[in-house]
Amino acid sequence: MSRYQHLPIYKKTYELLTRSMVAIKTFPREYKFTLGQKIQEEVVELVVLIYRANSMRDKELFIDQILERVQVIGLLIRLSQDMRILQKKHYASMVEMTESISRQAQGWRKVSRISK
């Protein structure tokens, strides 16, 4: 069984998950169970994809899915900010985290291609 909890990308994604849960608590009711829930589901799926990528020999498919999922999360975060339902402090930290996750996934993909 592969250890994934030590990976920096996992740690940053888990941090994004906890931050999103705190941020979504302040969403208005009409967005908490639609947009807020969608953000949380996407981040949870991102954690699962990181686990799967780390467990597999051929990581590239999962890493591509990770990168796609990060783009979706970024879009949802930006939409939340544009609609003024996400506090600026949460927005800034969540954007930084998604960018960090994206950079790490791109590096992971590059290394996995080299090792083939």
PDB file of N, CA and C in Angstrom:
ATOM      1  N   MET A   1       0.841  -1.177   0.000  1.00  0.00           N
ATOM      2  CA  MET A   1       0.000   0.000   0.000  1.00  0.00           C
ATOM      3  C   MET A   1       0.888   1.243   0.000  1.00  0.00           C
ATOM      4  N   SER A   2       0.637   2.123  -0.918  1.00  0.00           N
ATOM      5  CA  SER A   2       1.440   3.341  -1.041  1.00  0.00           C
ATOM      6  C   SER A   2       1.050   4.350   0.028  1.00  0.00           C
ATOM      7  N   ARG A   3       2.053   5.009   0.529  1.00  0.00           N
ATOM      8  CA  ARG A   3       1.788   6.099   1.474  1.00  0.00           C
ATOM      9  C   ARG A   3       1.592   7.372   0.670  1.00  0.00           C
ATOM     10  N   TYR A   4       0.528   8.064   0.920  1.00  0.00           N
ATOM     11  CA  TYR A   4       0.223   9.291   0.187  1.00  0.00           C
ATOM     12  C   TYR A   4       0.160  10.495   1.106  1.00  0.00           C
ATOM     13  N   GLN A   5      -0.006  10.271   2.386  1.00  0.00           N
ATOM     14  CA  GLN A   5      -0.198  11.375   3.323  1.00  0.00           C
ATOM     15  C   GLN A   5       1.049  12.217   3.514  1.00  0.00           C
ATOM     16  N   HIS A   6       2.195  11.686   3.129  1.00  0.00           N
ATOM     17  CA  HIS A   6       3.443  12.442   3.254  1.00  0.00           C
ATOM     18  C   HIS A   6       3.685  13.355   2.046  1.00  0.00           C
ATOM     19  N   LEU A   7       2.928  13.178   0.979  1.00  0.00           N
ATOM     20  CA  LEU A   7       3.134  13.963  -0.241  1.00  0.00           C
ATOM     21  C   LEU A   7       2.750  15.430  -0.025  1.00  0.00           C
ATOM     22  N   PRO A   8       3.592  16.362  -0.453  1.00  0.00           N
ATOM     23  CA  PRO A   8       3.252  17.783  -0.336  1.00  0.00           C
ATOM     24  C   PRO A   8       1.942  18.133  -1.059  1.00  0.00           C
ATOM     25  N   ILE A   9       1.682  17.495  -2.196  1.00  0.00           N
ATOM     26  CA  ILE A   9       0.446  17.776  -2.932  1.00  0.00           C
ATOM     27  C   ILE A   9      -0.773  17.314  -2.122  1.00  0.00           C
ATOM     28  N   TYR A  10      -0.642  16.197  -1.426  1.00  0.00           N
ATOM     29  CA  TYR A  10      -1.727  15.718  -0.579  1.00  0.00           C
ATOM     30  C   TYR A  10      -1.960  16.693   0.574  1.00  0.00           C
ATOM     31  N   LYS A  11      -0.889  17.103   1.209  1.00  0.00           N
ATOM     32  CA  LYS A  11      -1.003  18.021   2.343  1.00  0.00           C
ATOM     33  C   LYS A  11      -1.671  19.336   1.927  1.00  0.00           C
ATOM     34  N   LYS A  12      -1.267  19.871   0.765  1.00  0.00           N
ATOM     35  CA  LYS A  12      -1.843  21.130   0.289  1.00  0.00           C
ATOM     36  C   LYS A  12      -3.319  20.944  -0.072  1.00  0.00           C
ATOM     37  N   THR A  13      -3.655  19.810  -0.647  1.00  0.00           N
ATOM     38  CA  THR A  13      -5.050  19.538  -1.010  1.00  0.00           C
ATOM     39  C   THR A  13      -5.903  19.370   0.238  1.00  0.00           C
ATOM     40  N   TYR A  14      -5.370  18.700   1.239  1.00  0.00           N
ATOM     41  CA  TYR A  14      -6.111  18.545   2.491  1.00  0.00           C
ATOM     42  C   TYR A  14      -6.319  19.908   3.152  1.00  0.00           C
ATOM     43  N   GLU A  15      -5.309  20.749   3.079  1.00  0.00           N
ATOM     44  CA  GLU A  15      -5.426  22.116   3.595  1.00  0.00           C
ATOM     45  C   GLU A  15      -6.523  22.879   2.841  1.00  0.00           C
ATOM     46  N   LEU A  16      -6.580  22.695   1.518  1.00  0.00           N
ATOM     47  CA  LEU A  16      -7.633  23.316   0.713  1.00  0.00           C
ATOM     48  C   LEU A  16      -9.004  22.794   1.136  1.00  0.00           C
ATOM     49  N   LEU A  17      -9.099  21.517   1.415  1.00  0.00           N
ATOM     50  CA  LEU A  17     -10.371  20.935   1.860  1.00  0.00           C
ATOM     51  C   LEU A  17     -10.827  21.555   3.177  1.00  0.00           C
ATOM     52  N   THR A  18      -9.933  21.644   4.136  1.00  0.00           N
ATOM     53  CA  THR A  18     -10.329  22.219   5.425  1.00  0.00           C
ATOM     54  C   THR A  18     -10.674  23.703   5.285  1.00  0.00           C
ATOM     55  N   ARG A  19      -9.905  24.436   4.470  1.00  0.00           N
ATOM     56  CA  ARG A  19     -10.189  25.853   4.247  1.00  0.00           C
ATOM     57  C   ARG A  19     -11.550  26.028   3.562  1.00  0.00           C
ATOM     58  N   SER A  20     -11.834  25.184   2.589  1.00  0.00           N
ATOM     59  CA  SER A  20     -13.111  25.314   1.886  1.00  0.00           C
ATOM     60  C   SER A  20     -14.280  25.023   2.822  1.00  0.00           C
ATOM     61  N   MET A  21     -14.112  24.073   3.715  1.00  0.00           N
ATOM     62  CA  MET A  21     -15.196  23.772   4.658  1.00  0.00           C
ATOM     63  C   MET A  21     -15.463  24.941   5.595  1.00  0.00           C
ATOM     64  N   VAL A  22     -14.406  25.603   6.024  1.00  0.00           N
ATOM     65  CA  VAL A  22     -14.568  26.788   6.874  1.00  0.00           C
ATOM     66  C   VAL A  22     -15.218  27.920   6.085  1.00  0.00           C
ATOM     67  N   ALA A  23     -14.744  28.131   4.860  1.00  0.00           N
ATOM     68  CA  ALA A  23     -15.249  29.228   4.028  1.00  0.00           C
ATOM     69  C   ALA A  23     -16.720  29.044   3.682  1.00  0.00           C
ATOM     70  N   ILE A  24     -17.115  27.829   3.409  1.00  0.00           N
ATOM     71  CA  ILE A  24     -18.486  27.568   2.960  1.00  0.00           C
ATOM     72  C   ILE A  24     -19.483  27.736   4.091  1.00  0.00           C
ATOM     73  N   LYS A  25     -19.021  27.653   5.325  1.00  0.00           N
ATOM     74  CA  LYS A  25     -19.912  27.903   6.462  1.00  0.00           C
ATOM     75  C   LYS A  25     -20.522  29.299   6.407  1.00  0.00           C
ATOM     76  N   THR A  26     -19.801  30.243   5.786  1.00  0.00           N
ATOM     77  CA  THR A  26     -20.290  31.621   5.739  1.00  0.00           C
ATOM     78  C   THR A  26     -21.125  31.922   4.487  1.00  0.00           C
ATOM     79  N   PHE A  27     -21.268  30.939   3.589  1.00  0.00           N
ATOM     80  CA  PHE A  27     -22.078  31.144   2.387  1.00  0.00           C
ATOM     81  C   PHE A  27     -23.533  31.361   2.771  1.00  0.00           C
ATOM     82  N   PRO A  28     -24.235  32.202   2.024  1.00  0.00           N
ATOM     83  CA  PRO A  28     -25.692  32.305   2.230  1.00  0.00           C
ATOM     84  C   PRO A  28     -26.342  30.939   1.983  1.00  0.00           C
ATOM     85  N   ARG A  29     -27.434  30.704   2.639  1.00  0.00           N
ATOM     86  CA  ARG A  29     -28.111  29.410   2.581  1.00  0.00           C
ATOM     87  C   ARG A  29     -28.364  28.943   1.141  1.00  0.00           C
ATOM     88  N   GLU A  30     -28.770  29.870   0.280  1.00  0.00           N
ATOM     89  CA  GLU A  30     -29.112  29.476  -1.098  1.00  0.00           C
ATOM     90  C   GLU A  30     -27.915  28.975  -1.897  1.00  0.00           C
ATOM     91  N   TYR A  31     -26.690  29.290  -1.449  1.00  0.00           N
ATOM     92  CA  TYR A  31     -25.486  28.841  -2.147  1.00  0.00           C
ATOM     93  C   TYR A  31     -24.727  27.752  -1.400  1.00  0.00           C
ATOM     94  N   LYS A  32     -25.005  27.623  -0.120  1.00  0.00           N
ATOM     95  CA  LYS A  32     -24.278  26.665   0.713  1.00  0.00           C
ATOM     96  C   LYS A  32     -24.474  25.229   0.216  1.00  0.00           C
ATOM     97  N   PHE A  33     -25.684  24.907  -0.192  1.00  0.00           N
ATOM     98  CA  PHE A  33     -25.984  23.524  -0.576  1.00  0.00           C
ATOM     99  C   PHE A  33     -25.965  23.311  -2.089  1.00  0.00           C
ATOM    100  N   THR A  34     -25.547  24.305  -2.812  1.00  0.00           N
ATOM    101  CA  THR A  34     -25.388  24.154  -4.268  1.00  0.00           C
ATOM    102  C   THR A  34     -23.916  24.372  -4.598  1.00  0.00           C
ATOM    103  N   LEU A  35     -23.519  25.608  -4.695  1.00  0.00           N
ATOM    104  CA  LEU A  35     -22.142  25.949  -5.049  1.00  0.00           C
ATOM    105  C   LEU A  35     -21.152  25.476  -3.975  1.00  0.00           C
ATOM    106  N   GLY A  36     -21.493  25.706  -2.731  1.00  0.00           N
ATOM    107  CA  GLY A  36     -20.607  25.284  -1.636  1.00  0.00           C
ATOM    108  C   GLY A  36     -20.402  23.782  -1.608  1.00  0.00           C
ATOM    109  N   GLN A  37     -21.482  23.045  -1.750  1.00  0.00           N
ATOM    110  CA  GLN A  37     -21.391  21.594  -1.749  1.00  0.00           C
ATOM    111  C   GLN A  37     -20.593  21.096  -2.953  1.00  0.00           C
ATOM    112  N   LYS A  38     -20.760  21.732  -4.096  1.00  0.00           N
ATOM    113  CA  LYS A  38     -20.018  21.344  -5.298  1.00  0.00           C
ATOM    114  C   LYS A  38     -18.512  21.541  -5.094  1.00  0.00           C
ATOM    115  N   ILE A  39     -18.130  22.651  -4.476  1.00  0.00           N
ATOM    116  CA  ILE A  39     -16.712  22.895  -4.191  1.00  0.00           C
ATOM    117  C   ILE A  39     -16.163  21.789  -3.291  1.00  0.00           C
ATOM    118  N   GLN A  40     -16.888  21.482  -2.241  1.00  0.00           N
ATOM    119  CA  GLN A  40     -16.425  20.448  -1.314  1.00  0.00           C
ATOM    120  C   GLN A  40     -16.309  19.093  -2.006  1.00  0.00           C
ATOM    121  N   GLU A  41     -17.290  18.732  -2.820  1.00  0.00           N
ATOM    122  CA  GLU A  41     -17.246  17.455  -3.522  1.00  0.00           C
ATOM    123  C   GLU A  41     -16.046  17.380  -4.470  1.00  0.00           C
ATOM    124  N   GLU A  42     -15.773  18.477  -5.167  1.00  0.00           N
ATOM    125  CA  GLU A  42     -14.640  18.503  -6.094  1.00  0.00           C
ATOM    126  C   GLU A  42     -13.315  18.349  -5.351  1.00  0.00           C
ATOM    127  N   VAL A  43     -13.189  19.005  -4.203  1.00  0.00           N
ATOM    128  CA  VAL A  43     -11.939  18.914  -3.441  1.00  0.00           C
ATOM    129  C   VAL A  43     -11.777  17.515  -2.845  1.00  0.00           C
ATOM    130  N   VAL A  44     -12.854  16.929  -2.370  1.00  0.00           N
ATOM    131  CA  VAL A  44     -12.773  15.557  -1.852  1.00  0.00           C
ATOM    132  C   VAL A  44     -12.355  14.608  -2.971  1.00  0.00           C
ATOM    133  N   GLU A  45     -12.925  14.776  -4.156  1.00  0.00           N
ATOM    134  CA  GLU A  45     -12.545  13.939  -5.296  1.00  0.00           C
ATOM    135  C   GLU A  45     -11.072  14.156  -5.658  1.00  0.00           C
ATOM    136  N   LEU A  46     -10.594  15.366  -5.497  1.00  0.00           N
ATOM    137  CA  LEU A  46      -9.188  15.666  -5.753  1.00  0.00           C
ATOM    138  C   LEU A  46      -8.288  14.878  -4.797  1.00  0.00           C
ATOM    139  N   VAL A  47      -8.664  14.813  -3.540  1.00  0.00           N
ATOM    140  CA  VAL A  47      -7.901  14.028  -2.553  1.00  0.00           C
ATOM    141  C   VAL A  47      -7.871  12.558  -2.979  1.00  0.00           C
ATOM    142  N   VAL A  48      -9.010  12.043  -3.421  1.00  0.00           N
ATOM    143  CA  VAL A  48      -9.100  10.648  -3.854  1.00  0.00           C
ATOM    144  C   VAL A  48      -8.198  10.402  -5.071  1.00  0.00           C
ATOM    145  N   LEU A  49      -8.204  11.328  -6.013  1.00  0.00           N
ATOM    146  CA  LEU A  49      -7.367  11.183  -7.206  1.00  0.00           C
ATOM    147  C   LEU A  49      -5.881  11.182  -6.861  1.00  0.00           C
ATOM    148  N   ILE A  50      -5.495  11.980  -5.887  1.00  0.00           N
ATOM    149  CA  ILE A  50      -4.094  11.993  -5.458  1.00  0.00           C
ATOM    150  C   ILE A  50      -3.717  10.640  -4.863  1.00  0.00           C
ATOM    151  N   TYR A  51      -4.595  10.086  -4.063  1.00  0.00           N
ATOM    152  CA  TYR A  51      -4.359   8.749  -3.511  1.00  0.00           C
ATOM    153  C   TYR A  51      -4.208   7.735  -4.640  1.00  0.00           C
ATOM    154  N   ARG A  52      -5.125   7.777  -5.600  1.00  0.00           N
ATOM    155  CA  ARG A  52      -5.079   6.820  -6.706  1.00  0.00           C
ATOM    156  C   ARG A  52      -3.819   6.989  -7.551  1.00  0.00           C
ATOM    157  N   ALA A  53      -3.466   8.218  -7.837  1.00  0.00           N
ATOM    158  CA  ALA A  53      -2.262   8.456  -8.638  1.00  0.00           C
ATOM    159  C   ALA A  53      -1.036   7.907  -7.934  1.00  0.00           C
ATOM    160  N   ASN A  54      -0.959   8.099  -6.654  1.00  0.00           N
ATOM    161  CA  ASN A  54       0.202   7.622  -5.901  1.00  0.00           C
ATOM    162  C   ASN A  54       0.233   6.103  -5.811  1.00  0.00           C
ATOM    163  N   SER A  55      -0.927   5.465  -5.894  1.00  0.00           N
ATOM    164  CA  SER A  55      -1.014   4.010  -5.761  1.00  0.00           C
ATOM    165  C   SER A  55      -0.735   3.266  -7.059  1.00  0.00           C
ATOM    166  N   MET A  56      -0.853   3.944  -8.175  1.00  0.00           N
ATOM    167  CA  MET A  56      -0.740   3.281  -9.473  1.00  0.00           C
ATOM    168  C   MET A  56       0.660   3.404 -10.062  1.00  0.00           C
ATOM    169  N   ARG A  57       0.989   2.428 -10.868  1.00  0.00           N
ATOM    170  CA  ARG A  57       2.267   2.465 -11.573  1.00  0.00           C
ATOM    171  C   ARG A  57       2.213   3.514 -12.685  1.00  0.00           C
ATOM    172  N   ASP A  58       1.110   3.521 -13.440  1.00  0.00           N
ATOM    173  CA  ASP A  58       0.920   4.499 -14.512  1.00  0.00           C
ATOM    174  C   ASP A  58       0.084   5.656 -13.954  1.00  0.00           C
ATOM    175  N   LYS A  59       0.745   6.700 -13.546  1.00  0.00           N
ATOM    176  CA  LYS A  59       0.111   7.816 -12.848  1.00  0.00           C
ATOM    177  C   LYS A  59      -0.487   8.866 -13.781  1.00  0.00           C
ATOM    178  N   GLU A  60      -0.062   8.868 -15.033  1.00  0.00           N
ATOM    179  CA  GLU A  60      -0.357   9.981 -15.924  1.00  0.00           C
ATOM    180  C   GLU A  60      -1.859  10.248 -16.090  1.00  0.00           C
ATOM    181  N   LEU A  61      -2.664   9.208 -16.244  1.00  0.00           N
ATOM    182  CA  LEU A  61      -4.106   9.389 -16.395  1.00  0.00           C
ATOM    183  C   LEU A  61      -4.691  10.100 -15.179  1.00  0.00           C
ATOM    184  N   PHE A  62      -4.282   9.674 -13.995  1.00  0.00           N
ATOM    185  CA  PHE A  62      -4.801  10.273 -12.774  1.00  0.00           C
ATOM    186  C   PHE A  62      -4.294  11.705 -12.593  1.00  0.00           C
ATOM    187  N   ILE A  63      -3.059  11.940 -12.966  1.00  0.00           N
ATOM    188  CA  ILE A  63      -2.507  13.291 -12.847  1.00  0.00           C
ATOM    189  C   ILE A  63      -3.237  14.244 -13.786  1.00  0.00           C
ATOM    190  N   ASP A  64      -3.572  13.780 -14.981  1.00  0.00           N
ATOM    191  CA  ASP A  64      -4.369  14.606 -15.898  1.00  0.00           C
ATOM    192  C   ASP A  64      -5.734  14.929 -15.291  1.00  0.00           C
ATOM    193  N   GLN A  65      -6.333  13.958 -14.618  1.00  0.00           N
ATOM    194  CA  GLN A  65      -7.622  14.187 -13.950  1.00  0.00           C
ATOM    195  C   GLN A  65      -7.466  15.161 -12.783  1.00  0.00           C
ATOM    196  N   ILE A  66      -6.342  15.069 -12.090  1.00  0.00           N
ATOM    197  CA  ILE A  66      -6.066  16.007 -10.995  1.00  0.00           C
ATOM    198  C   ILE A  66      -6.006  17.427 -11.543  1.00  0.00           C
ATOM    199  N   LEU A  67      -5.282  17.611 -12.633  1.00  0.00           N
ATOM    200  CA  LEU A  67      -5.155  18.944 -13.227  1.00  0.00           C
ATOM    201  C   LEU A  67      -6.505  19.482 -13.697  1.00  0.00           C
ATOM    202  N   GLU A  68      -7.313  18.615 -14.266  1.00  0.00           N
ATOM    203  CA  GLU A  68      -8.652  19.035 -14.690  1.00  0.00           C
ATOM    204  C   GLU A  68      -9.506  19.430 -13.492  1.00  0.00           C
ATOM    205  N   ARG A  69      -9.451  18.635 -12.452  1.00  0.00           N
ATOM    206  CA  ARG A  69     -10.245  18.891 -11.247  1.00  0.00           C
ATOM    207  C   ARG A  69      -9.812  20.208 -10.598  1.00  0.00           C
ATOM    208  N   VAL A  70      -8.522  20.495 -10.589  1.00  0.00           N
ATOM    209  CA  VAL A  70      -8.024  21.765 -10.027  1.00  0.00           C
ATOM    210  C   VAL A  70      -8.583  22.946 -10.815  1.00  0.00           C
ATOM    211  N   GLN A  71      -8.679  22.808 -12.133  1.00  0.00           N
ATOM    212  CA  GLN A  71      -9.253  23.879 -12.959  1.00  0.00           C
ATOM    213  C   GLN A  71     -10.723  24.119 -12.603  1.00  0.00           C
ATOM    214  N   VAL A  72     -11.459  23.054 -12.401  1.00  0.00           N
ATOM    215  CA  VAL A  72     -12.876  23.165 -12.030  1.00  0.00           C
ATOM    216  C   VAL A  72     -13.006  23.849 -10.672  1.00  0.00           C
ATOM    217  N   ILE A  73     -12.181  23.438  -9.724  1.00  0.00           N
ATOM    218  CA  ILE A  73     -12.216  24.047  -8.387  1.00  0.00           C
ATOM    219  C   ILE A  73     -11.892  25.533  -8.486  1.00  0.00           C
ATOM    220  N   GLY A  74     -10.879  25.873  -9.267  1.00  0.00           N
ATOM    221  CA  GLY A  74     -10.530  27.280  -9.456  1.00  0.00           C
ATOM    222  C   GLY A  74     -11.680  28.084 -10.034  1.00  0.00           C
ATOM    223  N   LEU A  75     -12.387  27.500 -10.987  1.00  0.00           N
ATOM    224  CA  LEU A  75     -13.547  28.170 -11.585  1.00  0.00           C
ATOM    225  C   LEU A  75     -14.649  28.403 -10.557  1.00  0.00           C
ATOM    226  N   LEU A  76     -14.920  27.394  -9.743  1.00  0.00           N
ATOM    227  CA  LEU A  76     -15.966  27.515  -8.719  1.00  0.00           C
ATOM    228  C   LEU A  76     -15.588  28.545  -7.655  1.00  0.00           C
ATOM    229  N   ILE A  77     -14.318  28.579  -7.304  1.00  0.00           N
ATOM    230  CA  ILE A  77     -13.848  29.561  -6.323  1.00  0.00           C
ATOM    231  C   ILE A  77     -13.988  30.968  -6.890  1.00  0.00           C
ATOM    232  N   ARG A  78     -13.593  31.128  -8.136  1.00  0.00           N
ATOM    233  CA  ARG A  78     -13.700  32.451  -8.762  1.00  0.00           C
ATOM    234  C   ARG A  78     -15.161  32.879  -8.882  1.00  0.00           C
ATOM    235  N   LEU A  79     -16.024  31.965  -9.262  1.00  0.00           N
ATOM    236  CA  LEU A  79     -17.451  32.277  -9.333  1.00  0.00           C
ATOM    237  C   LEU A  79     -17.976  32.724  -7.974  1.00  0.00           C
ATOM    238  N   SER A  80     -17.560  32.032  -6.937  1.00  0.00           N
ATOM    239  CA  SER A  80     -17.983  32.397  -5.575  1.00  0.00           C
ATOM    240  C   SER A  80     -17.512  33.796  -5.209  1.00  0.00           C
ATOM    241  N   GLN A  81     -16.299  34.127  -5.606  1.00  0.00           N
ATOM    242  CA  GLN A  81     -15.765  35.467  -5.335  1.00  0.00           C
ATOM    243  C   GLN A  81     -16.507  36.512  -6.163  1.00  0.00           C
ATOM    244  N   ASP A  82     -16.720  36.234  -7.442  1.00  0.00           N
ATOM    245  CA  ASP A  82     -17.405  37.192  -8.316  1.00  0.00           C
ATOM    246  C   ASP A  82     -18.832  37.463  -7.855  1.00  0.00           C
ATOM    247  N   MET A  83     -19.456  36.449  -7.258  1.00  0.00           N
ATOM    248  CA  MET A  83     -20.823  36.622  -6.755  1.00  0.00           C
ATOM    249  C   MET A  83     -20.826  37.229  -5.349  1.00  0.00           C
ATOM    250  N   ARG A  84     -19.643  37.497  -4.829  1.00  0.00           N
ATOM    251  CA  ARG A  84     -19.456  38.101  -3.509  1.00  0.00           C
ATOM    252  C   ARG A  84     -20.028  37.262  -2.369  1.00  0.00           C
ATOM    253  N   ILE A  85     -19.857  35.960  -2.512  1.00  0.00           N
ATOM    254  CA  ILE A  85     -20.297  35.076  -1.424  1.00  0.00           C
ATOM    255  C   ILE A  85     -19.117  34.403  -0.723  1.00  0.00           C
ATOM    256  N   LEU A  86     -17.920  34.576  -1.268  1.00  0.00           N
ATOM    257  CA  LEU A  86     -16.715  34.040  -0.656  1.00  0.00           C
ATOM    258  C   LEU A  86     -15.878  35.207  -0.135  1.00  0.00           C
ATOM    259  N   GLN A  87     -15.546  35.153   1.136  1.00  0.00           N
ATOM    260  CA  GLN A  87     -14.758  36.226   1.738  1.00  0.00           C
ATOM    261  C   GLN A  87     -13.394  36.318   1.073  1.00  0.00           C
ATOM    262  N   LYS A  88     -12.886  37.542   0.965  1.00  0.00           N
ATOM    263  CA  LYS A  88     -11.613  37.776   0.273  1.00  0.00           C
ATOM    264  C   LYS A  88     -10.463  36.989   0.888  1.00  0.00           C
ATOM    265  N   LYS A  89     -10.423  36.905   2.208  1.00  0.00           N
ATOM    266  CA  LYS A  89      -9.322  36.184   2.859  1.00  0.00           C
ATOM    267  C   LYS A  89      -9.339  34.704   2.474  1.00  0.00           C
ATOM    268  N   HIS A  90     -10.527  34.120   2.360  1.00  0.00           N
ATOM    269  CA  HIS A  90     -10.630  32.729   1.944  1.00  0.00           C
ATOM    270  C   HIS A  90     -10.282  32.595   0.460  1.00  0.00           C
ATOM    271  N   TYR A  91     -10.765  33.526  -0.320  1.00  0.00           N
ATOM    272  CA  TYR A  91     -10.499  33.495  -1.760  1.00  0.00           C
ATOM    273  C   TYR A  91      -8.996  33.519  -2.035  1.00  0.00           C
ATOM    274  N   ALA A  92      -8.303  34.446  -1.409  1.00  0.00           N
ATOM    275  CA  ALA A  92      -6.861  34.587  -1.650  1.00  0.00           C
ATOM    276  C   ALA A  92      -6.108  33.315  -1.278  1.00  0.00           C
ATOM    277  N   SER A  93      -6.406  32.748  -0.135  1.00  0.00           N
ATOM    278  CA  SER A  93      -5.672  31.546   0.278  1.00  0.00           C
ATOM    279  C   SER A  93      -6.058  30.340  -0.571  1.00  0.00           C
ATOM    280  N   MET A  94      -7.310  30.236  -0.966  1.00  0.00           N
ATOM    281  CA  MET A  94      -7.745  29.095  -1.775  1.00  0.00           C
ATOM    282  C   MET A  94      -7.153  29.162  -3.187  1.00  0.00           C
ATOM    283  N   VAL A  95      -7.033  30.359  -3.740  1.00  0.00           N
ATOM    284  CA  VAL A  95      -6.412  30.511  -5.054  1.00  0.00           C
ATOM    285  C   VAL A  95      -4.941  30.123  -4.973  1.00  0.00           C
ATOM    286  N   GLU A  96      -4.259  30.559  -3.929  1.00  0.00           N
ATOM    287  CA  GLU A  96      -2.849  30.198  -3.754  1.00  0.00           C
ATOM    288  C   GLU A  96      -2.701  28.688  -3.640  1.00  0.00           C
ATOM    289  N   MET A  97      -3.599  28.057  -2.909  1.00  0.00           N
ATOM    290  CA  MET A  97      -3.518  26.605  -2.739  1.00  0.00           C
ATOM    291  C   MET A  97      -3.766  25.874  -4.055  1.00  0.00           C
ATOM    292  N   THR A  98      -4.764  26.304  -4.819  1.00  0.00           N
ATOM    293  CA  THR A  98      -5.038  25.626  -6.095  1.00  0.00           C
ATOM    294  C   THR A  98      -3.871  25.806  -7.066  1.00  0.00           C
ATOM    295  N   GLU A  99      -3.254  26.983  -7.063  1.00  0.00           N
ATOM    296  CA  GLU A  99      -2.091  27.197  -7.927  1.00  0.00           C
ATOM    297  C   GLU A  99      -0.928  26.298  -7.509  1.00  0.00           C
ATOM    298  N   SER A 100      -0.722  26.161  -6.217  1.00  0.00           N
ATOM    299  CA  SER A 100       0.340  25.292  -5.711  1.00  0.00           C
ATOM    300  C   SER A 100       0.075  23.838  -6.082  1.00  0.00           C
ATOM    301  N   ILE A 101      -1.160  23.402  -5.925  1.00  0.00           N
ATOM    302  CA  ILE A 101      -1.528  22.029  -6.272  1.00  0.00           C
ATOM    303  C   ILE A 101      -1.308  21.786  -7.761  1.00  0.00           C
ATOM    304  N   SER A 102      -1.700  22.750  -8.574  1.00  0.00           N
ATOM    305  CA  SER A 102      -1.528  22.631 -10.025  1.00  0.00           C
ATOM    306  C   SER A 102      -0.049  22.519 -10.394  1.00  0.00           C
ATOM    307  N   ARG A 103       0.787  23.364  -9.812  1.00  0.00           N
ATOM    308  CA  ARG A 103       2.230  23.316 -10.091  1.00  0.00           C
ATOM    309  C   ARG A 103       2.820  21.962  -9.680  1.00  0.00           C
ATOM    310  N   GLN A 104       2.423  21.493  -8.514  1.00  0.00           N
ATOM    311  CA  GLN A 104       2.938  20.207  -8.040  1.00  0.00           C
ATOM    312  C   GLN A 104       2.481  19.063  -8.940  1.00  0.00           C
ATOM    313  N   ALA A 105       1.243  19.097  -9.385  1.00  0.00           N
ATOM    314  CA  ALA A 105       0.730  18.042 -10.269  1.00  0.00           C
ATOM    315  C   ALA A 105       1.452  18.068 -11.613  1.00  0.00           C
ATOM    316  N   GLN A 106       1.725  19.259 -12.118  1.00  0.00           N
ATOM    317  CA  GLN A 106       2.458  19.368 -13.382  1.00  0.00           C
ATOM    318  C   GLN A 106       3.872  18.809 -13.239  1.00  0.00           C
ATOM    319  N   GLY A 107       4.497  19.095 -12.121  1.00  0.00           N
ATOM    320  CA  GLY A 107       5.820  18.535 -11.858  1.00  0.00           C
ATOM    321  C   GLY A 107       5.772  17.023 -11.717  1.00  0.00           C
ATOM    322  N   TRP A 108       4.749  16.525 -11.062  1.00  0.00           N
ATOM    323  CA  TRP A 108       4.564  15.091 -10.873  1.00  0.00           C
ATOM    324  C   TRP A 108       4.378  14.408 -12.229  1.00  0.00           C
ATOM    325  N   ARG A 109       3.593  15.043 -13.109  1.00  0.00           N
ATOM    326  CA  ARG A 109       3.369  14.502 -14.445  1.00  0.00           C
ATOM    327  C   ARG A 109       4.681  14.462 -15.234  1.00  0.00           C
ATOM    328  N   LYS A 110       5.444  15.519 -15.119  1.00  0.00           N
ATOM    329  CA  LYS A 110       6.726  15.587 -15.834  1.00  0.00           C
ATOM    330  C   LYS A 110       7.655  14.464 -15.375  1.00  0.00           C
ATOM    331  N   VAL A 111       7.747  14.261 -14.079  1.00  0.00           N
ATOM    332  CA  VAL A 111       8.603  13.196 -13.532  1.00  0.00           C
ATOM    333  C   VAL A 111       8.084  11.827 -13.943  1.00  0.00           C
ATOM    334  N   SER A 112       6.772  11.649 -13.938  1.00  0.00           N
ATOM    335  CA  SER A 112       6.226  10.332 -14.299  1.00  0.00           C
ATOM    336  C   SER A 112       6.465  10.016 -15.768  1.00  0.00           C
ATOM    337  N   ARG A 113       6.487  11.039 -16.622  1.00  0.00           N
ATOM    338  CA  ARG A 113       6.784  10.837 -18.048  1.00  0.00           C
ATOM    339  C   ARG A 113       8.251  10.457 -18.244  1.00  0.00           C
ATOM    340  N   ILE A 114       9.117  11.067 -17.481  1.00  0.00           N
ATOM    341  CA  ILE A 114      10.557  10.789 -17.589  1.00  0.00           C
ATOM    342  C   ILE A 114      10.861   9.366 -17.140  1.00  0.00           C
ATOM    343  N   SER A 115      10.174   8.932 -16.097  1.00  0.00           N
ATOM    344  CA  SER A 115      10.474   7.609 -15.535  1.00  0.00           C
ATOM    345  C   SER A 115       9.903   6.463 -16.346  1.00  0.00           C
ATOM    346  N   LYS A 116       9.145   6.740 -17.391  1.00  0.00           N
ATOM    347  CA  LYS A 116       8.575   5.671 -18.225  1.00  0.00           C
ATOM    348  C   LYS A 116       9.615   5.025 -19.081  1.00  0.00           C
TER     349      LYS A 116
END
